N, C-alpha and C. Protein backbone atom coordinates (compact mmCIF):
# COMPACT_ATOMS: atom_id res chain seq x y z
N MET A 1 -72.63 -44.49 44.30
CA MET A 1 -72.72 -45.25 43.08
C MET A 1 -71.59 -44.81 42.09
N ILE A 2 -70.90 -45.74 41.52
CA ILE A 2 -69.81 -45.47 40.59
C ILE A 2 -70.34 -45.60 39.16
N THR A 3 -70.02 -44.61 38.36
CA THR A 3 -70.31 -44.64 36.94
C THR A 3 -69.06 -45.03 36.20
N HIS A 4 -69.15 -46.07 35.37
CA HIS A 4 -67.98 -46.50 34.59
C HIS A 4 -68.16 -46.08 33.13
N LEU A 5 -67.09 -45.44 32.62
CA LEU A 5 -67.08 -44.93 31.25
C LEU A 5 -65.79 -45.34 30.56
N VAL A 6 -65.87 -45.51 29.23
CA VAL A 6 -64.64 -45.87 28.50
C VAL A 6 -64.57 -44.96 27.25
N PRO A 7 -64.19 -43.65 27.47
CA PRO A 7 -64.06 -42.79 26.29
C PRO A 7 -62.76 -43.05 25.53
N THR A 8 -62.84 -42.87 24.23
CA THR A 8 -61.67 -42.93 23.33
C THR A 8 -61.65 -41.62 22.52
N TRP A 9 -60.47 -41.02 22.48
CA TRP A 9 -60.33 -39.75 21.77
C TRP A 9 -59.27 -39.91 20.65
N ARG A 10 -59.55 -39.24 19.55
CA ARG A 10 -58.53 -39.04 18.52
C ARG A 10 -57.80 -37.76 18.97
N VAL A 11 -56.48 -37.84 19.16
CA VAL A 11 -55.75 -36.72 19.73
C VAL A 11 -54.93 -36.08 18.60
N ALA A 12 -55.41 -34.92 18.11
CA ALA A 12 -54.72 -34.24 17.02
C ALA A 12 -53.32 -33.74 17.44
N GLY A 13 -53.19 -33.32 18.72
CA GLY A 13 -51.92 -32.79 19.19
C GLY A 13 -50.78 -33.74 19.12
N SER A 14 -51.07 -35.04 19.23
CA SER A 14 -50.02 -36.07 19.15
C SER A 14 -50.16 -36.95 17.91
N ARG A 15 -51.18 -36.65 17.10
CA ARG A 15 -51.55 -37.50 15.96
C ARG A 15 -51.70 -38.93 16.43
N GLY A 16 -52.45 -39.11 17.48
CA GLY A 16 -52.60 -40.42 18.08
C GLY A 16 -54.01 -40.66 18.64
N VAL A 17 -54.11 -41.60 19.56
CA VAL A 17 -55.36 -42.01 20.13
C VAL A 17 -55.16 -42.24 21.62
N GLU A 18 -56.18 -41.94 22.43
CA GLU A 18 -56.18 -42.26 23.85
C GLU A 18 -57.48 -42.94 24.22
N THR A 19 -57.38 -43.97 25.03
CA THR A 19 -58.56 -44.63 25.63
C THR A 19 -58.36 -44.65 27.13
N ALA A 20 -59.40 -44.34 27.87
CA ALA A 20 -59.35 -44.33 29.33
C ALA A 20 -60.53 -45.13 29.89
N TRP A 21 -60.24 -45.93 30.89
CA TRP A 21 -61.24 -46.64 31.66
C TRP A 21 -61.47 -45.84 32.93
N VAL A 22 -62.63 -45.17 33.03
CA VAL A 22 -62.87 -44.17 34.07
C VAL A 22 -63.97 -44.63 35.01
N GLY A 23 -63.74 -44.47 36.30
CA GLY A 23 -64.76 -44.63 37.30
C GLY A 23 -64.99 -43.32 38.00
N LEU A 24 -66.26 -42.83 38.01
CA LEU A 24 -66.64 -41.58 38.61
C LEU A 24 -67.68 -41.83 39.69
N GLY A 25 -67.47 -41.27 40.90
CA GLY A 25 -68.50 -41.44 41.89
C GLY A 25 -68.03 -40.93 43.25
N ASP A 26 -68.97 -40.49 44.08
CA ASP A 26 -68.68 -40.02 45.43
C ASP A 26 -67.58 -38.96 45.44
N GLY A 27 -67.56 -38.09 44.42
CA GLY A 27 -66.56 -37.00 44.40
C GLY A 27 -65.17 -37.46 44.06
N GLU A 28 -65.01 -38.65 43.53
CA GLU A 28 -63.69 -39.17 43.17
C GLU A 28 -63.66 -39.68 41.74
N LEU A 29 -62.47 -39.69 41.19
CA LEU A 29 -62.22 -40.25 39.85
C LEU A 29 -61.06 -41.19 39.94
N HIS A 30 -61.24 -42.33 39.31
CA HIS A 30 -60.15 -43.31 39.16
C HIS A 30 -60.10 -43.68 37.69
N ALA A 31 -58.92 -43.66 37.13
CA ALA A 31 -58.79 -43.96 35.70
C ALA A 31 -57.49 -44.64 35.41
N ARG A 32 -57.52 -45.46 34.38
CA ARG A 32 -56.30 -45.96 33.76
C ARG A 32 -56.49 -45.77 32.30
N GLY A 33 -55.38 -45.44 31.63
CA GLY A 33 -55.48 -45.13 30.22
C GLY A 33 -54.26 -45.55 29.43
N ARG A 34 -54.45 -45.59 28.12
CA ARG A 34 -53.39 -45.93 27.18
C ARG A 34 -53.38 -44.91 26.09
N VAL A 35 -52.19 -44.48 25.67
CA VAL A 35 -52.04 -43.46 24.64
C VAL A 35 -51.02 -43.98 23.62
N VAL A 36 -51.32 -43.78 22.37
CA VAL A 36 -50.35 -43.96 21.31
C VAL A 36 -50.23 -42.66 20.57
N GLY A 37 -49.02 -42.10 20.53
CA GLY A 37 -48.78 -40.82 19.85
C GLY A 37 -47.68 -41.00 18.83
N THR A 38 -47.68 -40.09 17.83
CA THR A 38 -46.65 -40.13 16.79
C THR A 38 -45.86 -38.82 16.69
N VAL A 39 -46.25 -37.80 17.47
CA VAL A 39 -45.55 -36.52 17.44
C VAL A 39 -45.08 -36.19 18.85
N PRO A 40 -43.81 -35.78 19.09
CA PRO A 40 -42.78 -35.45 18.09
C PRO A 40 -42.14 -36.68 17.45
N ALA A 41 -42.28 -37.86 18.07
CA ALA A 41 -41.81 -39.12 17.52
C ALA A 41 -42.73 -40.19 18.13
N PRO A 42 -42.82 -41.36 17.52
CA PRO A 42 -43.76 -42.36 18.06
C PRO A 42 -43.47 -42.71 19.54
N TYR A 43 -44.54 -42.80 20.28
CA TYR A 43 -44.44 -43.20 21.69
C TYR A 43 -45.71 -43.91 22.16
N TRP A 44 -45.54 -44.70 23.21
CA TRP A 44 -46.67 -45.33 23.92
C TRP A 44 -46.65 -44.76 25.31
N LEU A 45 -47.79 -44.68 25.91
CA LEU A 45 -47.88 -44.12 27.27
C LEU A 45 -49.02 -44.88 27.96
N SER A 46 -48.81 -45.27 29.20
CA SER A 46 -49.91 -45.83 30.01
C SER A 46 -49.92 -45.03 31.32
N TYR A 47 -51.12 -44.87 31.90
CA TYR A 47 -51.20 -44.09 33.12
C TYR A 47 -52.30 -44.61 34.02
N GLU A 48 -52.16 -44.29 35.31
CA GLU A 48 -53.17 -44.54 36.32
C GLU A 48 -53.33 -43.25 37.09
N LEU A 49 -54.58 -42.82 37.24
CA LEU A 49 -54.91 -41.55 37.92
C LEU A 49 -55.85 -41.84 39.05
N GLU A 50 -55.57 -41.31 40.22
CA GLU A 50 -56.40 -41.48 41.39
C GLU A 50 -56.61 -40.13 42.05
N THR A 51 -57.87 -39.80 42.30
CA THR A 51 -58.14 -38.56 43.07
C THR A 51 -58.76 -38.93 44.40
N GLY A 52 -58.73 -37.98 45.27
CA GLY A 52 -59.41 -38.11 46.56
C GLY A 52 -60.73 -37.40 46.50
N PRO A 53 -61.31 -37.06 47.68
CA PRO A 53 -62.58 -36.31 47.67
C PRO A 53 -62.45 -34.97 46.94
N ALA A 54 -63.51 -34.55 46.34
CA ALA A 54 -63.63 -33.27 45.61
C ALA A 54 -62.77 -33.34 44.35
N TRP A 55 -62.50 -34.52 43.83
CA TRP A 55 -61.71 -34.70 42.62
C TRP A 55 -60.33 -34.09 42.68
N ILE A 56 -59.72 -34.09 43.84
CA ILE A 56 -58.34 -33.54 44.02
C ILE A 56 -57.35 -34.65 43.78
N THR A 57 -56.38 -34.41 42.94
CA THR A 57 -55.39 -35.42 42.54
C THR A 57 -54.67 -35.93 43.77
N ARG A 58 -54.59 -37.23 43.87
CA ARG A 58 -53.74 -37.92 44.86
C ARG A 58 -52.49 -38.43 44.18
N ARG A 59 -52.70 -39.12 43.08
CA ARG A 59 -51.53 -39.74 42.41
C ARG A 59 -51.77 -39.95 40.94
N LEU A 60 -50.72 -39.70 40.18
CA LEU A 60 -50.68 -39.97 38.74
C LEU A 60 -49.39 -40.76 38.48
N ARG A 61 -49.58 -42.00 38.02
CA ARG A 61 -48.40 -42.81 37.61
C ARG A 61 -48.44 -42.94 36.09
N VAL A 62 -47.29 -42.67 35.47
CA VAL A 62 -47.20 -42.68 34.02
C VAL A 62 -45.95 -43.46 33.61
N ARG A 63 -46.13 -44.28 32.59
CA ARG A 63 -44.98 -44.97 31.99
C ARG A 63 -45.00 -44.67 30.50
N ALA A 64 -43.87 -44.18 29.98
CA ALA A 64 -43.75 -43.82 28.57
C ALA A 64 -42.65 -44.65 27.96
N GLU A 65 -42.86 -45.04 26.67
CA GLU A 65 -41.86 -45.82 25.95
C GLU A 65 -41.77 -45.23 24.56
N SER A 66 -40.52 -44.99 24.14
CA SER A 66 -40.23 -44.47 22.77
C SER A 66 -38.92 -45.06 22.34
N ALA A 67 -38.45 -44.64 21.18
CA ALA A 67 -37.15 -45.12 20.70
C ALA A 67 -36.03 -44.74 21.63
N ASP A 68 -36.23 -43.72 22.45
CA ASP A 68 -35.20 -43.25 23.40
C ASP A 68 -35.17 -44.13 24.65
N GLY A 69 -36.13 -45.03 24.81
CA GLY A 69 -36.15 -45.93 25.96
C GLY A 69 -37.44 -45.73 26.76
N GLU A 70 -37.42 -46.15 28.03
CA GLU A 70 -38.58 -46.07 28.88
C GLU A 70 -38.38 -45.04 30.01
N ARG A 71 -39.45 -44.39 30.38
CA ARG A 71 -39.44 -43.39 31.49
C ARG A 71 -40.62 -43.67 32.37
N GLU A 72 -40.50 -43.39 33.61
CA GLU A 72 -41.61 -43.54 34.57
C GLU A 72 -41.76 -42.31 35.42
N LEU A 73 -42.98 -42.01 35.78
CA LEU A 73 -43.27 -40.87 36.62
C LEU A 73 -44.23 -41.28 37.72
N ASP A 74 -43.93 -40.87 38.92
CA ASP A 74 -44.85 -41.08 40.06
C ASP A 74 -45.09 -39.71 40.67
N LEU A 75 -46.21 -39.13 40.33
CA LEU A 75 -46.58 -37.79 40.77
C LEU A 75 -47.60 -37.89 41.91
N ARG A 76 -47.29 -37.35 43.06
CA ARG A 76 -48.20 -37.46 44.22
C ARG A 76 -48.46 -36.11 44.84
N GLN A 77 -49.68 -35.98 45.39
CA GLN A 77 -50.10 -34.80 46.12
C GLN A 77 -50.77 -35.20 47.40
N GLU A 78 -50.30 -34.62 48.50
CA GLU A 78 -50.92 -34.88 49.80
C GLU A 78 -50.87 -33.59 50.58
N GLY A 79 -52.09 -33.09 50.99
CA GLY A 79 -52.13 -31.90 51.76
C GLY A 79 -51.53 -30.66 51.10
N GLY A 80 -51.59 -30.61 49.74
CA GLY A 80 -51.04 -29.48 48.99
C GLY A 80 -49.56 -29.62 48.71
N ARG A 81 -48.94 -30.70 49.14
CA ARG A 81 -47.50 -30.91 48.95
C ARG A 81 -47.27 -31.93 47.83
N TRP A 82 -46.54 -31.59 46.77
CA TRP A 82 -46.38 -32.42 45.63
C TRP A 82 -44.96 -33.02 45.62
N THR A 83 -44.90 -34.29 45.23
CA THR A 83 -43.61 -34.94 44.97
C THR A 83 -43.60 -35.53 43.56
N VAL A 84 -42.45 -35.50 42.94
CA VAL A 84 -42.20 -36.09 41.65
C VAL A 84 -41.17 -37.14 41.83
N ASN A 85 -41.53 -38.41 41.68
CA ASN A 85 -40.62 -39.52 41.89
C ASN A 85 -39.96 -39.41 43.27
N GLY A 86 -40.78 -39.03 44.25
CA GLY A 86 -40.31 -38.95 45.67
C GLY A 86 -39.61 -37.68 46.04
N VAL A 87 -39.41 -36.77 45.12
CA VAL A 87 -38.69 -35.49 45.39
C VAL A 87 -39.73 -34.36 45.54
N HIS A 88 -39.71 -33.65 46.65
CA HIS A 88 -40.64 -32.55 46.84
C HIS A 88 -40.42 -31.48 45.82
N ARG A 89 -41.52 -30.95 45.24
CA ARG A 89 -41.47 -29.91 44.24
C ARG A 89 -42.29 -28.72 44.75
N PRO A 90 -41.72 -27.82 45.54
CA PRO A 90 -42.45 -26.70 46.18
C PRO A 90 -43.11 -25.75 45.15
N GLU A 91 -42.59 -25.65 43.95
CA GLU A 91 -43.23 -24.76 42.95
C GLU A 91 -44.61 -25.27 42.50
N LEU A 92 -44.94 -26.51 42.86
CA LEU A 92 -46.27 -27.06 42.54
C LEU A 92 -47.25 -26.90 43.68
N ASN A 93 -46.76 -26.55 44.87
CA ASN A 93 -47.63 -26.42 46.02
C ASN A 93 -48.74 -25.43 45.73
N GLY A 94 -49.95 -25.79 46.16
CA GLY A 94 -51.13 -24.98 45.89
C GLY A 94 -51.94 -25.53 44.74
N ALA A 95 -51.34 -26.36 43.92
CA ALA A 95 -52.07 -27.01 42.85
C ALA A 95 -52.92 -28.14 43.44
N LEU A 96 -54.11 -28.34 42.88
CA LEU A 96 -54.97 -29.42 43.31
C LEU A 96 -55.06 -30.52 42.25
N ASP A 97 -54.65 -30.16 41.03
CA ASP A 97 -54.84 -31.09 39.91
C ASP A 97 -53.57 -31.31 39.10
N CYS A 98 -53.48 -32.49 38.54
CA CYS A 98 -52.47 -32.74 37.55
C CYS A 98 -53.07 -32.46 36.16
N ASP A 99 -52.23 -32.27 35.19
CA ASP A 99 -52.68 -32.09 33.80
C ASP A 99 -51.72 -32.90 32.94
N LEU A 100 -52.18 -34.03 32.52
CA LEU A 100 -51.38 -34.91 31.65
C LEU A 100 -51.41 -34.30 30.24
N GLY A 101 -50.25 -33.89 29.77
CA GLY A 101 -50.15 -33.24 28.49
C GLY A 101 -50.83 -33.95 27.36
N LEU A 102 -51.57 -33.25 26.52
CA LEU A 102 -52.29 -33.74 25.38
C LEU A 102 -53.41 -34.73 25.70
N SER A 103 -53.71 -34.89 27.00
CA SER A 103 -54.80 -35.78 27.40
C SER A 103 -56.05 -34.99 27.74
N PRO A 104 -57.17 -35.29 27.10
CA PRO A 104 -58.38 -34.55 27.39
C PRO A 104 -58.99 -34.97 28.76
N LEU A 105 -58.56 -36.11 29.33
CA LEU A 105 -59.17 -36.60 30.55
C LEU A 105 -58.95 -35.68 31.72
N THR A 106 -57.79 -35.11 31.90
CA THR A 106 -57.44 -34.37 33.12
C THR A 106 -58.13 -32.99 33.21
N ALA A 107 -58.85 -32.58 32.17
CA ALA A 107 -59.66 -31.39 32.31
C ALA A 107 -60.89 -31.64 33.18
N THR A 108 -61.19 -32.91 33.42
CA THR A 108 -62.41 -33.29 34.12
C THR A 108 -62.41 -32.85 35.58
N MET A 109 -61.28 -33.03 36.29
CA MET A 109 -61.29 -32.80 37.75
C MET A 109 -61.69 -31.38 38.15
N PRO A 110 -61.03 -30.33 37.57
CA PRO A 110 -61.41 -28.96 37.98
C PRO A 110 -62.84 -28.61 37.56
N VAL A 111 -63.28 -29.14 36.43
CA VAL A 111 -64.66 -28.87 35.97
C VAL A 111 -65.64 -29.47 36.95
N LEU A 112 -65.45 -30.69 37.36
CA LEU A 112 -66.37 -31.32 38.31
C LEU A 112 -66.33 -30.64 39.70
N ARG A 113 -65.15 -30.30 40.20
CA ARG A 113 -65.06 -29.72 41.52
C ARG A 113 -65.83 -28.43 41.61
N HIS A 114 -65.77 -27.61 40.56
CA HIS A 114 -66.44 -26.29 40.57
C HIS A 114 -67.75 -26.32 39.77
N ARG A 115 -68.18 -27.51 39.34
CA ARG A 115 -69.45 -27.72 38.68
C ARG A 115 -69.58 -26.78 37.46
N LEU A 116 -68.45 -26.56 36.77
CA LEU A 116 -68.46 -25.70 35.60
C LEU A 116 -69.22 -26.34 34.41
N HIS A 117 -69.51 -27.60 34.49
CA HIS A 117 -70.36 -28.25 33.47
C HIS A 117 -71.82 -28.12 33.79
N ARG A 118 -72.15 -27.49 34.90
CA ARG A 118 -73.54 -27.36 35.35
C ARG A 118 -73.97 -25.90 35.55
N ARG A 119 -73.02 -25.02 35.87
CA ARG A 119 -73.44 -23.65 36.19
C ARG A 119 -72.37 -22.61 35.78
N PRO A 120 -72.78 -21.38 35.55
CA PRO A 120 -71.84 -20.34 35.17
C PRO A 120 -70.75 -20.10 36.21
N GLY A 121 -69.64 -19.66 35.73
CA GLY A 121 -68.55 -19.31 36.65
C GLY A 121 -67.22 -19.35 35.92
N GLU A 122 -66.21 -18.78 36.56
CA GLU A 122 -64.84 -18.80 36.04
C GLU A 122 -63.93 -19.07 37.20
N GLN A 123 -62.94 -19.99 36.96
CA GLN A 123 -62.01 -20.35 38.02
C GLN A 123 -60.58 -20.37 37.49
N ASP A 124 -59.66 -19.86 38.31
CA ASP A 124 -58.25 -19.94 37.98
C ASP A 124 -57.64 -21.09 38.76
N PHE A 125 -56.71 -21.82 38.09
CA PHE A 125 -56.10 -23.00 38.72
C PHE A 125 -54.60 -22.97 38.50
N LEU A 126 -53.89 -23.57 39.42
CA LEU A 126 -52.49 -23.94 39.21
C LEU A 126 -52.49 -25.43 39.05
N MET A 127 -51.96 -25.90 37.91
CA MET A 127 -51.90 -27.35 37.61
C MET A 127 -50.49 -27.85 37.62
N ALA A 128 -50.33 -29.11 37.96
CA ALA A 128 -49.06 -29.81 37.81
C ALA A 128 -49.05 -30.41 36.42
N LEU A 129 -48.51 -29.73 35.46
CA LEU A 129 -48.51 -30.16 34.06
C LEU A 129 -47.43 -31.16 33.79
N VAL A 130 -47.80 -32.27 33.24
CA VAL A 130 -46.85 -33.33 32.82
C VAL A 130 -46.69 -33.29 31.30
N ARG A 131 -45.51 -32.94 30.85
CA ARG A 131 -45.32 -32.89 29.40
C ARG A 131 -44.96 -34.28 28.90
N VAL A 132 -45.52 -34.66 27.73
CA VAL A 132 -45.28 -35.95 27.17
C VAL A 132 -44.58 -35.80 25.84
N PRO A 133 -43.76 -36.78 25.47
CA PRO A 133 -43.51 -38.05 26.15
C PRO A 133 -42.40 -38.01 27.17
N GLY A 134 -41.78 -36.84 27.41
CA GLY A 134 -40.62 -36.72 28.30
C GLY A 134 -40.91 -36.90 29.77
N LEU A 135 -42.20 -36.70 30.15
CA LEU A 135 -42.66 -36.82 31.54
C LEU A 135 -42.00 -35.85 32.51
N THR A 136 -41.71 -34.65 32.01
CA THR A 136 -41.26 -33.61 32.88
C THR A 136 -42.47 -32.90 33.49
N VAL A 137 -42.34 -32.34 34.71
CA VAL A 137 -43.48 -31.74 35.38
C VAL A 137 -43.19 -30.28 35.68
N HIS A 138 -44.20 -29.41 35.36
CA HIS A 138 -44.04 -27.98 35.48
C HIS A 138 -45.36 -27.36 36.04
N PRO A 139 -45.23 -26.23 36.80
CA PRO A 139 -46.45 -25.52 37.21
C PRO A 139 -47.09 -24.85 36.00
N SER A 140 -48.40 -24.89 35.94
CA SER A 140 -49.13 -24.36 34.78
C SER A 140 -50.37 -23.62 35.24
N PRO A 141 -50.41 -22.26 35.27
CA PRO A 141 -51.63 -21.52 35.55
C PRO A 141 -52.63 -21.68 34.39
N GLN A 142 -53.88 -21.99 34.75
CA GLN A 142 -54.93 -22.19 33.74
C GLN A 142 -56.22 -21.57 34.26
N THR A 143 -57.13 -21.25 33.33
CA THR A 143 -58.43 -20.70 33.68
C THR A 143 -59.48 -21.44 32.91
N TYR A 144 -60.56 -21.77 33.60
CA TYR A 144 -61.73 -22.44 32.99
C TYR A 144 -62.95 -21.51 33.21
N THR A 145 -63.73 -21.31 32.11
CA THR A 145 -64.92 -20.44 32.18
C THR A 145 -66.10 -21.15 31.53
N HIS A 146 -67.19 -21.31 32.29
CA HIS A 146 -68.45 -21.88 31.75
C HIS A 146 -69.02 -20.89 30.74
N LEU A 147 -69.32 -21.32 29.53
CA LEU A 147 -69.86 -20.43 28.52
C LEU A 147 -71.26 -20.68 28.16
N LEU A 148 -71.61 -21.92 27.72
CA LEU A 148 -72.97 -22.18 27.21
C LEU A 148 -73.50 -23.52 27.74
N PRO A 149 -74.73 -23.51 28.25
CA PRO A 149 -75.38 -24.76 28.57
C PRO A 149 -75.91 -25.44 27.34
N ALA A 150 -76.36 -26.69 27.48
CA ALA A 150 -76.89 -27.44 26.37
C ALA A 150 -77.99 -26.69 25.64
N GLY A 151 -78.01 -26.87 24.33
CA GLY A 151 -79.11 -26.24 23.56
C GLY A 151 -78.87 -24.81 23.21
N GLU A 152 -77.76 -24.20 23.62
CA GLU A 152 -77.54 -22.79 23.34
C GLU A 152 -76.31 -22.59 22.45
N GLY A 153 -76.34 -23.23 21.30
CA GLY A 153 -75.30 -23.00 20.31
C GLY A 153 -74.18 -23.99 20.33
N THR A 154 -74.30 -25.06 21.14
CA THR A 154 -73.21 -26.05 21.17
C THR A 154 -73.21 -26.90 19.93
N GLY A 155 -74.40 -27.14 19.39
CA GLY A 155 -74.51 -27.99 18.17
C GLY A 155 -74.24 -29.43 18.51
N ALA A 156 -74.20 -29.80 19.76
CA ALA A 156 -73.83 -31.17 20.11
C ALA A 156 -74.98 -32.12 20.06
N GLY A 157 -76.20 -31.62 20.29
CA GLY A 157 -77.33 -32.49 20.32
C GLY A 157 -77.27 -33.52 21.45
N ALA A 158 -76.45 -33.30 22.45
CA ALA A 158 -76.23 -34.30 23.47
C ALA A 158 -77.07 -34.08 24.74
N GLY A 159 -77.94 -33.07 24.74
CA GLY A 159 -78.83 -32.85 25.88
C GLY A 159 -78.13 -32.22 27.07
N GLU A 160 -77.03 -32.78 27.45
CA GLU A 160 -76.30 -32.28 28.65
C GLU A 160 -74.97 -31.62 28.31
N ALA A 161 -74.69 -31.49 27.04
CA ALA A 161 -73.41 -30.89 26.63
C ALA A 161 -73.32 -29.46 27.04
N VAL A 162 -72.10 -29.01 27.31
CA VAL A 162 -71.84 -27.63 27.71
C VAL A 162 -70.50 -27.22 27.16
N THR A 163 -70.31 -25.92 26.96
CA THR A 163 -69.04 -25.38 26.47
C THR A 163 -68.34 -24.65 27.60
N VAL A 164 -67.08 -25.01 27.82
CA VAL A 164 -66.27 -24.38 28.85
C VAL A 164 -64.96 -23.92 28.15
N ARG A 165 -64.65 -22.63 28.32
CA ARG A 165 -63.43 -22.09 27.75
C ARG A 165 -62.21 -22.41 28.62
N TYR A 166 -61.18 -22.87 28.01
CA TYR A 166 -59.92 -23.22 28.68
C TYR A 166 -58.85 -22.27 28.19
N ARG A 167 -58.10 -21.67 29.15
CA ARG A 167 -56.97 -20.78 28.77
C ARG A 167 -55.74 -21.22 29.56
N CYS A 168 -54.66 -21.34 28.80
CA CYS A 168 -53.36 -21.66 29.37
C CYS A 168 -52.31 -20.90 28.54
N GLY A 169 -51.68 -19.91 29.13
CA GLY A 169 -50.71 -19.10 28.38
C GLY A 169 -51.40 -18.47 27.18
N ASP A 170 -50.83 -18.66 25.97
CA ASP A 170 -51.35 -18.10 24.77
C ASP A 170 -52.44 -18.98 24.13
N HIS A 171 -52.67 -20.16 24.70
CA HIS A 171 -53.65 -21.10 24.10
C HIS A 171 -55.02 -20.91 24.74
N THR A 172 -56.03 -20.76 23.91
CA THR A 172 -57.42 -20.72 24.37
C THR A 172 -58.21 -21.69 23.51
N GLY A 173 -59.02 -22.51 24.17
CA GLY A 173 -59.86 -23.47 23.49
C GLY A 173 -61.21 -23.59 24.12
N ASP A 174 -62.26 -23.75 23.33
CA ASP A 174 -63.64 -23.95 23.85
C ASP A 174 -63.93 -25.41 23.87
N LEU A 175 -63.95 -26.01 25.08
CA LEU A 175 -64.13 -27.43 25.25
C LEU A 175 -65.62 -27.74 25.27
N LEU A 176 -66.04 -28.72 24.47
CA LEU A 176 -67.41 -29.25 24.57
C LEU A 176 -67.35 -30.44 25.49
N LEU A 177 -68.13 -30.38 26.61
CA LEU A 177 -68.09 -31.41 27.60
C LEU A 177 -69.44 -32.12 27.70
N ASP A 178 -69.42 -33.38 28.06
CA ASP A 178 -70.66 -34.14 28.25
C ASP A 178 -71.17 -33.93 29.70
N GLY A 179 -72.28 -34.55 30.04
CA GLY A 179 -72.89 -34.38 31.34
C GLY A 179 -72.04 -34.92 32.49
N HIS A 180 -71.02 -35.73 32.19
CA HIS A 180 -70.11 -36.23 33.21
C HIS A 180 -68.90 -35.34 33.42
N GLY A 181 -68.77 -34.25 32.59
CA GLY A 181 -67.63 -33.41 32.68
C GLY A 181 -66.47 -33.89 31.83
N LEU A 182 -66.69 -34.87 30.97
CA LEU A 182 -65.62 -35.40 30.09
C LEU A 182 -65.62 -34.69 28.77
N VAL A 183 -64.47 -34.49 28.21
CA VAL A 183 -64.34 -33.76 26.94
C VAL A 183 -64.93 -34.58 25.79
N LEU A 184 -65.84 -33.92 25.06
CA LEU A 184 -66.34 -34.46 23.76
C LEU A 184 -65.45 -33.93 22.63
N ASP A 185 -65.09 -32.63 22.72
CA ASP A 185 -64.30 -32.00 21.67
C ASP A 185 -63.47 -30.85 22.29
N HIS A 186 -62.20 -30.91 22.02
CA HIS A 186 -61.28 -29.79 22.36
C HIS A 186 -60.60 -29.45 21.03
N PRO A 187 -61.18 -28.45 20.30
CA PRO A 187 -60.69 -28.15 18.96
C PRO A 187 -59.17 -27.97 18.92
N GLY A 188 -58.57 -28.69 17.97
CA GLY A 188 -57.12 -28.64 17.78
C GLY A 188 -56.39 -29.59 18.67
N LEU A 189 -57.01 -30.20 19.68
CA LEU A 189 -56.33 -31.13 20.57
C LEU A 189 -56.94 -32.53 20.45
N ALA A 190 -58.24 -32.69 20.78
CA ALA A 190 -58.81 -34.01 20.83
C ALA A 190 -60.32 -33.98 20.55
N ARG A 191 -60.79 -35.09 19.97
CA ARG A 191 -62.22 -35.27 19.74
C ARG A 191 -62.59 -36.71 20.11
N ARG A 192 -63.71 -36.85 20.88
CA ARG A 192 -64.15 -38.15 21.30
C ARG A 192 -64.68 -38.93 20.11
N LEU A 193 -64.29 -40.17 20.01
CA LEU A 193 -64.80 -41.02 18.96
C LEU A 193 -66.16 -41.61 19.43
N PRO A 194 -67.07 -41.84 18.45
CA PRO A 194 -68.40 -42.38 18.83
C PRO A 194 -68.28 -43.78 19.33
């Protein structure tokens, strides 16, 4: 059974907004989204994200438009081998997930795979980080740690909300996630609109 969701976030990091049309089911995620950002300069971004079993990224296609023109990215992963616009990028090998910069959506895949929204644990990841709006791709070590289940200090009142700590380099943030593993609040980055 596929669950269809349409979250919209106010994204503080870009002083913009993101809406995603998400399908979750059978260990896979399919999404298409639109982003409007104003930092570092106004830009529009559209993306399509497809995972395979266990929420492992298969493909992320992104199109960005700004005053500098249009850029496109086709990021693919198959059997642990990543390509960026058809060019093999061995420094990304071993990563299972993409991370679309300033997007709260891509935190979902590693959380769901390791059920960090349901049970305690800590996991280290290598992510294929896409910086926006330039669409450059870089390896990014990250750590996710389950902190609090619903009703234990989250203040969310959402019944299934959980807090998961995210660490990447010098940045640490406590993500409030809903029962589907989608971000409700990432302080300083994004907050889901009602």
